Amino acid sequence: MSTDRTADDYRIEGLDLSGTRFTVEQALIRNKYKAMDDSGNVLLRGKQKLFKMKEQFPFVDADGNEVFTVKAGGIIDVAGNYVLTDAVTGEDLVILDNDYSIFQDTWKIRDARTEAKIAEITSRGALVTMARNLVPFGGWIPHKYEITDVDGDHVGNIEGQFSLKDRYEITLDDTSDVPKEPVVAAAMVIDAIQGN
């Protein structure tokens, strides 16, 4: 990493994401999500607050305790910044920065203090991304993203599954440099922001 911070510095109080495989699933109604470990245990729930000037996503643990919030930096914006704040400490940890295009969706995870890039989540395949954005019913085509570290090295994948409600499999192959919490949160936020 190019900052003095390590992935452990981005851990969120009261949240244990110790695995390397997670499933994110959207509820049938509204932008409500849950993240589960590979045994199906709910680790995290998040939802998009509707009718707010700035988009907001509070996240709670399996017991309903608020653990972090993701809030838009600007008024409802497809391409913008979203700040992840630890609910216990009040510290802004990372910024999810969306660089939207019809050819490729790119989300940078940056340090909230220094704005240094920590990781990147990029859609795979310009043709698939264009089809998702331009073709009628293109939103039914599942997302596929690659997660890379600050040096561009592969860290993991987010792969959408074709189903009635949006479902994503997150696989993290190497998390030594990339914090898990923002990646799992980003999978939910990306789906909600892009209106899938």
N, C-alpha and C. Protein backbone atom coordinates (compact mmCIF):
# COMPACT_ATOMS: atom_id res chain seq x y z
N MET A 1 0.82 -1.18 0.00
CA MET A 1 0.00 0.00 0.00
C MET A 1 0.87 1.24 0.00
N SER A 2 0.34 2.30 -0.58
CA SER A 2 1.13 3.51 -0.65
C SER A 2 0.97 4.39 0.58
N THR A 3 0.08 4.02 1.49
CA THR A 3 -0.06 4.78 2.73
C THR A 3 0.59 3.99 3.85
N ASP A 4 0.68 4.62 5.01
CA ASP A 4 1.27 3.93 6.17
C ASP A 4 0.27 2.99 6.82
N ARG A 5 -0.98 3.02 6.38
CA ARG A 5 -2.02 2.20 6.99
C ARG A 5 -2.03 0.81 6.35
N THR A 6 -2.47 -0.17 7.14
CA THR A 6 -2.62 -1.54 6.63
C THR A 6 -4.10 -1.87 6.58
N ALA A 7 -4.45 -3.01 5.99
CA ALA A 7 -5.86 -3.43 5.90
C ALA A 7 -6.49 -3.49 7.28
N ASP A 8 -5.71 -3.86 8.30
CA ASP A 8 -6.23 -3.93 9.67
C ASP A 8 -6.67 -2.57 10.20
N ASP A 9 -6.08 -1.50 9.70
CA ASP A 9 -6.44 -0.16 10.15
C ASP A 9 -7.84 0.25 9.70
N TYR A 10 -8.40 -0.48 8.76
CA TYR A 10 -9.72 -0.16 8.24
C TYR A 10 -10.81 -1.06 8.83
N ARG A 11 -10.43 -1.89 9.80
CA ARG A 11 -11.42 -2.77 10.43
C ARG A 11 -12.47 -1.92 11.14
N ILE A 12 -13.68 -2.46 11.17
CA ILE A 12 -14.79 -1.74 11.77
C ILE A 12 -15.11 -2.38 13.11
N GLU A 13 -15.22 -1.53 14.14
CA GLU A 13 -15.52 -2.00 15.49
C GLU A 13 -16.79 -2.83 15.49
N GLY A 14 -16.75 -4.00 16.13
CA GLY A 14 -17.93 -4.83 16.30
C GLY A 14 -18.32 -5.66 15.09
N LEU A 15 -17.49 -5.68 14.06
CA LEU A 15 -17.81 -6.46 12.86
C LEU A 15 -16.67 -7.42 12.56
N ASP A 16 -17.02 -8.70 12.40
CA ASP A 16 -16.00 -9.71 12.12
C ASP A 16 -16.24 -10.33 10.75
N LEU A 17 -15.46 -9.90 9.78
CA LEU A 17 -15.50 -10.49 8.45
C LEU A 17 -14.21 -11.28 8.25
N SER A 18 -14.08 -12.40 8.96
CA SER A 18 -12.83 -13.13 8.96
C SER A 18 -12.68 -14.10 7.80
N GLY A 19 -13.75 -14.36 7.05
CA GLY A 19 -13.66 -15.31 5.94
C GLY A 19 -13.09 -14.69 4.68
N THR A 20 -13.12 -15.46 3.60
CA THR A 20 -12.65 -14.97 2.31
C THR A 20 -13.73 -15.10 1.23
N ARG A 21 -14.87 -15.69 1.59
CA ARG A 21 -15.99 -15.83 0.65
C ARG A 21 -17.26 -15.32 1.32
N PHE A 22 -17.96 -14.45 0.58
CA PHE A 22 -19.19 -13.86 1.10
C PHE A 22 -20.23 -13.85 0.00
N THR A 23 -21.49 -13.91 0.41
CA THR A 23 -22.60 -13.78 -0.52
C THR A 23 -23.40 -12.56 -0.12
N VAL A 24 -23.66 -11.70 -1.08
CA VAL A 24 -24.50 -10.52 -0.86
C VAL A 24 -25.79 -10.76 -1.63
N GLU A 25 -26.91 -10.57 -0.94
CA GLU A 25 -28.21 -10.83 -1.56
C GLU A 25 -29.14 -9.65 -1.32
N GLN A 26 -29.82 -9.24 -2.39
CA GLN A 26 -30.78 -8.15 -2.29
C GLN A 26 -32.16 -8.72 -1.97
N ALA A 27 -32.92 -8.00 -1.15
CA ALA A 27 -34.31 -8.37 -0.88
C ALA A 27 -35.15 -8.11 -2.12
N LEU A 28 -36.29 -8.74 -2.22
CA LEU A 28 -37.16 -8.55 -3.38
C LEU A 28 -37.69 -7.13 -3.49
N ILE A 29 -37.91 -6.48 -2.35
CA ILE A 29 -38.48 -5.13 -2.35
C ILE A 29 -37.44 -4.15 -1.81
N ARG A 30 -37.30 -3.00 -2.49
CA ARG A 30 -36.39 -1.93 -2.09
C ARG A 30 -34.93 -2.37 -2.15
N ASN A 31 -34.08 -1.41 -1.90
CA ASN A 31 -32.65 -1.70 -1.89
C ASN A 31 -32.19 -2.07 -0.49
N LYS A 32 -32.55 -3.31 -0.10
CA LYS A 32 -32.14 -3.88 1.18
C LYS A 32 -31.26 -5.08 0.87
N TYR A 33 -30.18 -5.22 1.63
CA TYR A 33 -29.19 -6.26 1.35
C TYR A 33 -28.78 -6.97 2.62
N LYS A 34 -28.28 -8.19 2.43
CA LYS A 34 -27.63 -8.88 3.54
C LYS A 34 -26.37 -9.53 2.99
N ALA A 35 -25.35 -9.59 3.83
CA ALA A 35 -24.11 -10.27 3.49
C ALA A 35 -23.96 -11.47 4.41
N MET A 36 -23.64 -12.61 3.81
CA MET A 36 -23.52 -13.86 4.57
C MET A 36 -22.14 -14.47 4.36
N ASP A 37 -21.71 -15.26 5.35
CA ASP A 37 -20.46 -16.00 5.17
C ASP A 37 -20.76 -17.24 4.34
N ASP A 38 -19.74 -18.06 4.08
CA ASP A 38 -19.94 -19.21 3.20
C ASP A 38 -20.76 -20.32 3.85
N SER A 39 -21.11 -20.17 5.15
CA SER A 39 -22.00 -21.13 5.81
C SER A 39 -23.45 -20.63 5.83
N GLY A 40 -23.69 -19.43 5.27
CA GLY A 40 -25.04 -18.87 5.23
C GLY A 40 -25.41 -18.03 6.43
N ASN A 41 -24.46 -17.79 7.35
CA ASN A 41 -24.74 -16.95 8.52
C ASN A 41 -24.73 -15.48 8.11
N VAL A 42 -25.76 -14.74 8.53
CA VAL A 42 -25.83 -13.31 8.21
C VAL A 42 -24.80 -12.56 9.05
N LEU A 43 -23.96 -11.80 8.37
CA LEU A 43 -22.92 -11.02 9.04
C LEU A 43 -23.27 -9.54 9.08
N LEU A 44 -24.01 -9.11 8.07
CA LEU A 44 -24.19 -7.69 7.85
C LEU A 44 -25.47 -7.46 7.07
N ARG A 45 -26.18 -6.39 7.43
CA ARG A 45 -27.36 -5.99 6.67
C ARG A 45 -27.22 -4.50 6.35
N GLY A 46 -27.68 -4.13 5.16
CA GLY A 46 -27.63 -2.73 4.77
C GLY A 46 -28.84 -2.39 3.93
N LYS A 47 -29.21 -1.10 3.96
CA LYS A 47 -30.32 -0.68 3.12
C LYS A 47 -30.11 0.76 2.70
N GLN A 48 -30.65 1.06 1.53
CA GLN A 48 -30.58 2.42 1.03
C GLN A 48 -31.74 3.19 1.62
N LYS A 49 -31.43 4.31 2.30
CA LYS A 49 -32.50 5.14 2.85
C LYS A 49 -33.10 5.95 1.71
N LEU A 50 -34.39 5.82 1.55
CA LEU A 50 -35.08 6.50 0.47
C LEU A 50 -35.50 7.90 0.89
N PHE A 51 -35.73 8.75 -0.10
CA PHE A 51 -36.24 10.10 0.10
C PHE A 51 -35.29 10.98 0.91
N LYS A 52 -34.01 10.76 0.77
CA LYS A 52 -33.01 11.61 1.41
C LYS A 52 -32.36 12.46 0.31
N MET A 53 -31.95 13.67 0.65
CA MET A 53 -31.25 14.51 -0.33
C MET A 53 -29.92 13.87 -0.72
N LYS A 54 -29.25 13.30 0.26
CA LYS A 54 -28.01 12.57 -0.02
C LYS A 54 -28.24 11.10 0.28
N GLU A 55 -27.86 10.26 -0.66
CA GLU A 55 -28.07 8.83 -0.46
C GLU A 55 -27.30 8.35 0.76
N GLN A 56 -27.94 7.46 1.51
CA GLN A 56 -27.35 6.98 2.75
C GLN A 56 -27.65 5.50 2.89
N PHE A 57 -26.66 4.76 3.37
CA PHE A 57 -26.78 3.32 3.56
C PHE A 57 -26.30 2.95 4.95
N PRO A 58 -27.19 2.81 5.94
CA PRO A 58 -26.74 2.33 7.25
C PRO A 58 -26.57 0.82 7.21
N PHE A 59 -25.52 0.32 7.84
CA PHE A 59 -25.25 -1.11 7.91
C PHE A 59 -25.26 -1.56 9.36
N VAL A 60 -25.90 -2.69 9.62
CA VAL A 60 -25.97 -3.25 10.97
C VAL A 60 -25.41 -4.67 10.96
N ASP A 61 -24.96 -5.13 12.14
CA ASP A 61 -24.47 -6.50 12.24
C ASP A 61 -25.65 -7.46 12.39
N ALA A 62 -25.38 -8.73 12.58
CA ALA A 62 -26.42 -9.76 12.68
C ALA A 62 -27.38 -9.50 13.84
N ASP A 63 -26.92 -8.77 14.88
CA ASP A 63 -27.76 -8.48 16.04
C ASP A 63 -28.51 -7.15 15.92
N GLY A 64 -28.33 -6.46 14.80
CA GLY A 64 -29.03 -5.19 14.60
C GLY A 64 -28.29 -3.97 15.10
N ASN A 65 -27.03 -4.13 15.54
CA ASN A 65 -26.24 -2.99 16.00
C ASN A 65 -25.62 -2.28 14.80
N GLU A 66 -25.76 -0.95 14.75
CA GLU A 66 -25.18 -0.21 13.63
C GLU A 66 -23.66 -0.29 13.71
N VAL A 67 -23.04 -0.67 12.58
CA VAL A 67 -21.59 -0.82 12.55
C VAL A 67 -20.91 0.21 11.65
N PHE A 68 -21.55 0.57 10.55
CA PHE A 68 -21.02 1.65 9.73
C PHE A 68 -22.11 2.20 8.82
N THR A 69 -21.83 3.37 8.25
CA THR A 69 -22.75 4.02 7.32
C THR A 69 -21.96 4.41 6.08
N VAL A 70 -22.60 4.28 4.94
CA VAL A 70 -22.04 4.80 3.69
C VAL A 70 -22.96 5.92 3.26
N LYS A 71 -22.38 7.11 3.04
CA LYS A 71 -23.18 8.28 2.71
C LYS A 71 -22.59 8.98 1.49
N ALA A 72 -23.50 9.40 0.58
CA ALA A 72 -23.08 10.10 -0.63
C ALA A 72 -22.47 11.45 -0.29
N GLY A 73 -21.42 11.79 -1.02
CA GLY A 73 -20.79 13.09 -0.83
C GLY A 73 -21.60 14.21 -1.46
N GLY A 74 -22.36 13.88 -2.52
CA GLY A 74 -23.17 14.88 -3.21
C GLY A 74 -24.62 14.43 -3.27
N ILE A 75 -25.46 15.29 -3.79
CA ILE A 75 -26.88 14.97 -3.92
C ILE A 75 -27.04 13.94 -5.03
N ILE A 76 -27.89 12.94 -4.77
CA ILE A 76 -28.14 11.78 -5.63
C ILE A 76 -27.41 11.85 -6.97
N ASP A 77 -26.40 11.01 -7.08
CA ASP A 77 -25.46 11.10 -8.19
C ASP A 77 -24.97 9.70 -8.52
N VAL A 78 -25.11 9.29 -9.81
CA VAL A 78 -24.64 7.96 -10.21
C VAL A 78 -23.12 7.88 -10.15
N ALA A 79 -22.44 8.95 -10.54
CA ALA A 79 -20.98 8.97 -10.48
C ALA A 79 -20.60 9.93 -9.37
N GLY A 80 -20.15 9.42 -8.25
CA GLY A 80 -19.82 10.28 -7.13
C GLY A 80 -19.04 9.56 -6.07
N ASN A 81 -18.90 10.23 -4.94
CA ASN A 81 -18.14 9.69 -3.82
C ASN A 81 -19.09 9.27 -2.70
N TYR A 82 -18.76 8.17 -2.05
CA TYR A 82 -19.54 7.66 -0.93
C TYR A 82 -18.56 7.39 0.20
N VAL A 83 -18.81 7.97 1.37
CA VAL A 83 -17.88 7.86 2.49
C VAL A 83 -18.38 6.78 3.45
N LEU A 84 -17.49 5.85 3.80
CA LEU A 84 -17.80 4.79 4.77
C LEU A 84 -17.29 5.25 6.12
N THR A 85 -18.22 5.37 7.09
CA THR A 85 -17.91 5.87 8.43
C THR A 85 -18.19 4.80 9.47
N ASP A 86 -17.23 4.55 10.36
CA ASP A 86 -17.41 3.61 11.46
C ASP A 86 -18.44 4.19 12.43
N ALA A 87 -19.51 3.45 12.70
CA ALA A 87 -20.59 3.95 13.56
C ALA A 87 -20.16 4.06 15.02
N VAL A 88 -19.21 3.23 15.45
CA VAL A 88 -18.78 3.24 16.85
C VAL A 88 -17.81 4.39 17.11
N THR A 89 -16.79 4.53 16.26
CA THR A 89 -15.77 5.56 16.49
C THR A 89 -16.10 6.89 15.82
N GLY A 90 -17.00 6.86 14.82
CA GLY A 90 -17.32 8.08 14.08
C GLY A 90 -16.27 8.45 13.06
N GLU A 91 -15.26 7.60 12.88
CA GLU A 91 -14.16 7.90 11.96
C GLU A 91 -14.55 7.56 10.53
N ASP A 92 -14.29 8.50 9.61
CA ASP A 92 -14.42 8.21 8.18
C ASP A 92 -13.24 7.33 7.80
N LEU A 93 -13.53 6.14 7.27
CA LEU A 93 -12.45 5.19 6.96
C LEU A 93 -12.03 5.21 5.51
N VAL A 94 -13.02 5.05 4.62
CA VAL A 94 -12.69 5.01 3.20
C VAL A 94 -13.72 5.77 2.39
N ILE A 95 -13.33 6.10 1.17
CA ILE A 95 -14.22 6.71 0.19
C ILE A 95 -14.38 5.72 -0.95
N LEU A 96 -15.63 5.46 -1.33
CA LEU A 96 -15.93 4.67 -2.53
C LEU A 96 -16.18 5.69 -3.63
N ASP A 97 -15.31 5.69 -4.62
CA ASP A 97 -15.30 6.72 -5.65
C ASP A 97 -15.69 6.07 -6.98
N ASN A 98 -16.85 6.46 -7.53
CA ASN A 98 -17.37 5.85 -8.74
C ASN A 98 -16.97 6.66 -9.97
N ASP A 99 -16.32 5.99 -10.92
CA ASP A 99 -15.99 6.59 -12.22
C ASP A 99 -16.85 5.87 -13.24
N TYR A 100 -18.07 6.37 -13.45
CA TYR A 100 -19.06 5.68 -14.26
C TYR A 100 -18.85 5.95 -15.75
N SER A 101 -18.99 4.89 -16.56
CA SER A 101 -18.99 5.03 -18.01
C SER A 101 -19.82 3.89 -18.58
N ILE A 102 -20.31 4.07 -19.83
CA ILE A 102 -21.10 2.98 -20.42
C ILE A 102 -20.21 1.82 -20.82
N PHE A 103 -18.89 2.04 -20.87
CA PHE A 103 -17.97 0.98 -21.28
C PHE A 103 -17.41 0.17 -20.12
N GLN A 104 -17.22 0.83 -19.00
CA GLN A 104 -16.64 0.14 -17.85
C GLN A 104 -17.00 0.86 -16.56
N ASP A 105 -17.43 0.10 -15.57
CA ASP A 105 -17.70 0.65 -14.25
C ASP A 105 -16.46 0.47 -13.40
N THR A 106 -15.97 1.55 -12.82
CA THR A 106 -14.78 1.49 -11.98
C THR A 106 -15.08 2.19 -10.67
N TRP A 107 -14.85 1.46 -9.58
CA TRP A 107 -14.98 2.01 -8.24
C TRP A 107 -13.63 1.94 -7.57
N LYS A 108 -13.14 3.09 -7.12
CA LYS A 108 -11.89 3.13 -6.36
C LYS A 108 -12.22 3.18 -4.88
N ILE A 109 -11.47 2.43 -4.09
CA ILE A 109 -11.57 2.52 -2.64
C ILE A 109 -10.36 3.32 -2.19
N ARG A 110 -10.62 4.49 -1.58
CA ARG A 110 -9.54 5.38 -1.19
C ARG A 110 -9.57 5.65 0.31
N ASP A 111 -8.41 5.93 0.87
CA ASP A 111 -8.30 6.31 2.28
C ASP A 111 -9.03 7.63 2.49
N ALA A 112 -9.87 7.72 3.51
CA ALA A 112 -10.67 8.92 3.74
C ALA A 112 -9.82 10.12 4.17
N ARG A 113 -8.68 9.87 4.79
CA ARG A 113 -7.83 10.99 5.24
C ARG A 113 -6.90 11.48 4.14
N THR A 114 -6.20 10.55 3.51
CA THR A 114 -5.17 10.93 2.54
C THR A 114 -5.67 10.89 1.10
N GLU A 115 -6.81 10.24 0.87
CA GLU A 115 -7.38 10.00 -0.45
C GLU A 115 -6.52 9.11 -1.34
N ALA A 116 -5.53 8.44 -0.73
CA ALA A 116 -4.70 7.50 -1.48
C ALA A 116 -5.54 6.27 -1.86
N LYS A 117 -5.34 5.78 -3.08
CA LYS A 117 -6.08 4.60 -3.52
C LYS A 117 -5.60 3.37 -2.76
N ILE A 118 -6.57 2.57 -2.30
CA ILE A 118 -6.29 1.33 -1.57
C ILE A 118 -6.57 0.13 -2.47
N ALA A 119 -7.66 0.23 -3.24
CA ALA A 119 -8.07 -0.88 -4.11
C ALA A 119 -8.98 -0.33 -5.19
N GLU A 120 -9.27 -1.21 -6.16
CA GLU A 120 -10.16 -0.82 -7.25
C GLU A 120 -11.06 -1.99 -7.58
N ILE A 121 -12.32 -1.69 -7.90
CA ILE A 121 -13.29 -2.70 -8.30
C ILE A 121 -13.74 -2.30 -9.71
N THR A 122 -13.45 -3.16 -10.68
CA THR A 122 -13.65 -2.83 -12.09
C THR A 122 -14.50 -3.88 -12.77
N SER A 123 -15.49 -3.43 -13.56
CA SER A 123 -16.31 -4.38 -14.31
C SER A 123 -15.44 -5.04 -15.37
N ARG A 124 -15.75 -6.31 -15.63
CA ARG A 124 -14.97 -7.06 -16.62
C ARG A 124 -15.74 -7.15 -17.92
N GLY A 125 -15.13 -6.69 -19.01
CA GLY A 125 -15.71 -6.82 -20.33
C GLY A 125 -16.54 -5.62 -20.76
N ALA A 126 -16.00 -4.84 -21.70
CA ALA A 126 -16.70 -3.65 -22.20
C ALA A 126 -18.01 -4.01 -22.88
N LEU A 127 -18.05 -5.11 -23.63
CA LEU A 127 -19.28 -5.50 -24.33
C LEU A 127 -20.40 -5.82 -23.36
N VAL A 128 -20.07 -6.54 -22.28
CA VAL A 128 -21.08 -6.88 -21.28
C VAL A 128 -21.55 -5.62 -20.57
N THR A 129 -20.64 -4.73 -20.22
CA THR A 129 -21.01 -3.49 -19.54
C THR A 129 -21.89 -2.63 -20.45
N MET A 130 -21.53 -2.53 -21.73
CA MET A 130 -22.35 -1.76 -22.67
C MET A 130 -23.75 -2.38 -22.79
N ALA A 131 -23.81 -3.71 -22.89
CA ALA A 131 -25.11 -4.38 -23.00
C ALA A 131 -25.96 -4.11 -21.76
N ARG A 132 -25.33 -4.15 -20.57
CA ARG A 132 -26.07 -3.88 -19.33
C ARG A 132 -26.66 -2.47 -19.35
N ASN A 133 -25.92 -1.52 -19.94
CA ASN A 133 -26.34 -0.12 -19.92
C ASN A 133 -27.25 0.29 -21.08
N LEU A 134 -27.16 -0.40 -22.22
CA LEU A 134 -27.84 0.08 -23.42
C LEU A 134 -28.96 -0.82 -23.94
N VAL A 135 -28.87 -2.10 -23.70
CA VAL A 135 -29.84 -3.05 -24.26
C VAL A 135 -31.07 -3.13 -23.35
N PRO A 136 -32.29 -3.17 -23.96
CA PRO A 136 -33.47 -3.37 -23.10
C PRO A 136 -33.30 -4.64 -22.25
N PHE A 137 -33.67 -4.56 -21.02
CA PHE A 137 -33.51 -5.65 -20.05
C PHE A 137 -32.04 -6.01 -19.81
N GLY A 138 -31.13 -5.10 -20.14
CA GLY A 138 -29.70 -5.34 -19.91
C GLY A 138 -29.36 -5.49 -18.44
N GLY A 139 -30.21 -4.89 -17.59
CA GLY A 139 -30.00 -5.00 -16.14
C GLY A 139 -30.10 -6.42 -15.63
N TRP A 140 -30.65 -7.32 -16.44
CA TRP A 140 -30.75 -8.73 -16.04
C TRP A 140 -29.43 -9.46 -16.23
N ILE A 141 -28.50 -8.86 -16.98
CA ILE A 141 -27.19 -9.50 -17.18
C ILE A 141 -26.40 -9.33 -15.89
N PRO A 142 -25.93 -10.42 -15.29
CA PRO A 142 -25.23 -10.30 -14.00
C PRO A 142 -23.92 -9.51 -14.11
N HIS A 143 -23.64 -8.75 -13.04
CA HIS A 143 -22.37 -8.03 -12.92
C HIS A 143 -21.22 -9.02 -12.74
N LYS A 144 -20.06 -8.64 -13.23
CA LYS A 144 -18.81 -9.35 -12.91
C LYS A 144 -17.75 -8.28 -12.72
N TYR A 145 -17.12 -8.31 -11.56
CA TYR A 145 -16.09 -7.32 -11.25
C TYR A 145 -14.81 -8.02 -10.80
N GLU A 146 -13.70 -7.36 -11.08
CA GLU A 146 -12.42 -7.81 -10.54
C GLU A 146 -11.98 -6.80 -9.49
N ILE A 147 -11.44 -7.31 -8.38
CA ILE A 147 -10.92 -6.46 -7.31
C ILE A 147 -9.41 -6.52 -7.40
N THR A 148 -8.77 -5.35 -7.45
CA THR A 148 -7.31 -5.28 -7.52
C THR A 148 -6.80 -4.38 -6.40
N ASP A 149 -5.53 -4.57 -6.04
CA ASP A 149 -4.93 -3.72 -5.01
C ASP A 149 -4.36 -2.46 -5.64
N VAL A 150 -3.66 -1.66 -4.86
CA VAL A 150 -3.14 -0.38 -5.32
C VAL A 150 -2.16 -0.53 -6.48
N ASP A 151 -1.51 -1.68 -6.58
CA ASP A 151 -0.55 -1.93 -7.66
C ASP A 151 -1.19 -2.58 -8.88
N GLY A 152 -2.50 -2.81 -8.83
CA GLY A 152 -3.20 -3.44 -9.94
C GLY A 152 -3.17 -4.96 -9.91
N ASP A 153 -2.67 -5.54 -8.81
CA ASP A 153 -2.62 -7.00 -8.69
C ASP A 153 -3.98 -7.55 -8.27
N HIS A 154 -4.35 -8.69 -8.83
CA HIS A 154 -5.63 -9.34 -8.55
C HIS A 154 -5.76 -9.66 -7.06
N VAL A 155 -6.93 -9.33 -6.50
CA VAL A 155 -7.22 -9.61 -5.09
C VAL A 155 -8.44 -10.52 -4.98
N GLY A 156 -9.41 -10.35 -5.88
CA GLY A 156 -10.61 -11.16 -5.81
C GLY A 156 -11.61 -10.78 -6.87
N ASN A 157 -12.83 -11.33 -6.74
CA ASN A 157 -13.90 -11.11 -7.71
C ASN A 157 -15.22 -10.86 -7.00
N ILE A 158 -16.09 -10.14 -7.68
CA ILE A 158 -17.49 -10.04 -7.31
C ILE A 158 -18.26 -10.51 -8.53
N GLU A 159 -19.02 -11.59 -8.38
CA GLU A 159 -19.73 -12.15 -9.52
C GLU A 159 -21.21 -12.23 -9.24
N GLY A 160 -22.01 -11.56 -10.09
CA GLY A 160 -23.45 -11.61 -9.97
C GLY A 160 -23.98 -12.95 -10.43
N GLN A 161 -25.05 -13.39 -9.79
CA GLN A 161 -25.71 -14.64 -10.15
C GLN A 161 -27.05 -14.30 -10.78
N PHE A 162 -27.43 -15.02 -11.82
CA PHE A 162 -28.72 -14.77 -12.47
C PHE A 162 -29.82 -15.33 -11.58
N SER A 163 -30.64 -14.44 -11.02
CA SER A 163 -31.75 -14.86 -10.15
C SER A 163 -32.76 -13.73 -10.06
N LEU A 164 -33.92 -14.03 -9.48
CA LEU A 164 -34.99 -13.05 -9.34
C LEU A 164 -34.53 -11.85 -8.52
N LYS A 165 -33.79 -12.09 -7.44
CA LYS A 165 -33.23 -11.00 -6.66
C LYS A 165 -31.72 -11.02 -6.84
N ASP A 166 -31.13 -9.82 -6.87
CA ASP A 166 -29.70 -9.72 -7.12
C ASP A 166 -28.92 -10.47 -6.05
N ARG A 167 -27.93 -11.24 -6.52
CA ARG A 167 -27.10 -12.05 -5.63
C ARG A 167 -25.67 -12.00 -6.16
N TYR A 168 -24.73 -11.76 -5.27
CA TYR A 168 -23.32 -11.64 -5.64
C TYR A 168 -22.47 -12.55 -4.79
N GLU A 169 -21.55 -13.22 -5.45
CA GLU A 169 -20.56 -14.03 -4.74
C GLU A 169 -19.26 -13.23 -4.73
N ILE A 170 -18.76 -12.96 -3.53
CA ILE A 170 -17.50 -12.22 -3.37
C ILE A 170 -16.44 -13.21 -2.93
N THR A 171 -15.37 -13.29 -3.70
CA THR A 171 -14.24 -14.16 -3.36
C THR A 171 -13.01 -13.29 -3.24
N LEU A 172 -12.38 -13.33 -2.07
CA LEU A 172 -11.16 -12.56 -1.83
C LEU A 172 -9.99 -13.53 -1.73
N ASP A 173 -9.12 -13.50 -2.72
CA ASP A 173 -8.00 -14.43 -2.77
C ASP A 173 -6.81 -13.95 -1.94
N ASP A 174 -6.64 -12.64 -1.85
CA ASP A 174 -5.51 -12.08 -1.11
C ASP A 174 -5.96 -10.77 -0.48
N THR A 175 -6.16 -10.77 0.84
CA THR A 175 -6.66 -9.57 1.52
C THR A 175 -5.59 -8.91 2.39
N SER A 176 -4.33 -9.22 2.13
CA SER A 176 -3.28 -8.65 2.97
C SER A 176 -3.21 -7.13 2.84
N ASP A 177 -3.55 -6.59 1.65
CA ASP A 177 -3.47 -5.15 1.42
C ASP A 177 -4.82 -4.48 1.26
N VAL A 178 -5.88 -5.26 1.19
CA VAL A 178 -7.20 -4.69 0.90
C VAL A 178 -8.17 -5.00 2.03
N PRO A 179 -8.79 -3.97 2.63
CA PRO A 179 -9.74 -4.21 3.72
C PRO A 179 -11.04 -4.83 3.18
N LYS A 180 -11.57 -5.83 3.88
CA LYS A 180 -12.75 -6.56 3.43
C LYS A 180 -14.03 -5.75 3.54
N GLU A 181 -14.20 -5.02 4.64
CA GLU A 181 -15.45 -4.33 4.90
C GLU A 181 -15.87 -3.41 3.75
N PRO A 182 -14.96 -2.55 3.24
CA PRO A 182 -15.37 -1.69 2.13
C PRO A 182 -15.71 -2.47 0.86
N VAL A 183 -15.06 -3.60 0.64
CA VAL A 183 -15.36 -4.40 -0.55
C VAL A 183 -16.77 -4.98 -0.45
N VAL A 184 -17.12 -5.54 0.70
CA VAL A 184 -18.45 -6.12 0.89
C VAL A 184 -19.51 -5.01 0.83
N ALA A 185 -19.24 -3.87 1.48
CA ALA A 185 -20.16 -2.74 1.42
C ALA A 185 -20.31 -2.24 -0.02
N ALA A 186 -19.21 -2.18 -0.75
CA ALA A 186 -19.24 -1.69 -2.13
C ALA A 186 -20.13 -2.56 -3.01
N ALA A 187 -20.13 -3.88 -2.79
CA ALA A 187 -20.98 -4.76 -3.60
C ALA A 187 -22.45 -4.37 -3.44
N MET A 188 -22.85 -4.00 -2.23
CA MET A 188 -24.24 -3.58 -1.99
C MET A 188 -24.51 -2.20 -2.56
N VAL A 189 -23.59 -1.28 -2.33
CA VAL A 189 -23.77 0.10 -2.78
C VAL A 189 -23.78 0.17 -4.31
N ILE A 190 -22.88 -0.55 -4.96
CA ILE A 190 -22.81 -0.56 -6.43
C ILE A 190 -24.17 -1.00 -6.99
N ASP A 191 -24.70 -2.08 -6.45
CA ASP A 191 -25.98 -2.59 -6.94
C ASP A 191 -27.10 -1.56 -6.76
N ALA A 192 -27.14 -0.93 -5.59
CA ALA A 192 -28.20 0.04 -5.30
C ALA A 192 -28.05 1.31 -6.14
N ILE A 193 -26.84 1.83 -6.25
CA ILE A 193 -26.60 3.08 -6.97
C ILE A 193 -26.91 2.92 -8.44
N GLN A 194 -26.54 1.79 -9.01
CA GLN A 194 -26.73 1.60 -10.44
C GLN A 194 -28.12 1.08 -10.77
N GLY A 195 -28.98 1.03 -9.75
CA GLY A 195 -30.40 0.77 -9.96
C GLY A 195 -30.72 -0.56 -10.56
N ASN A 196 -30.01 -1.60 -10.11
CA ASN A 196 -30.21 -2.92 -10.71
C ASN A 196 -31.31 -3.68 -9.99
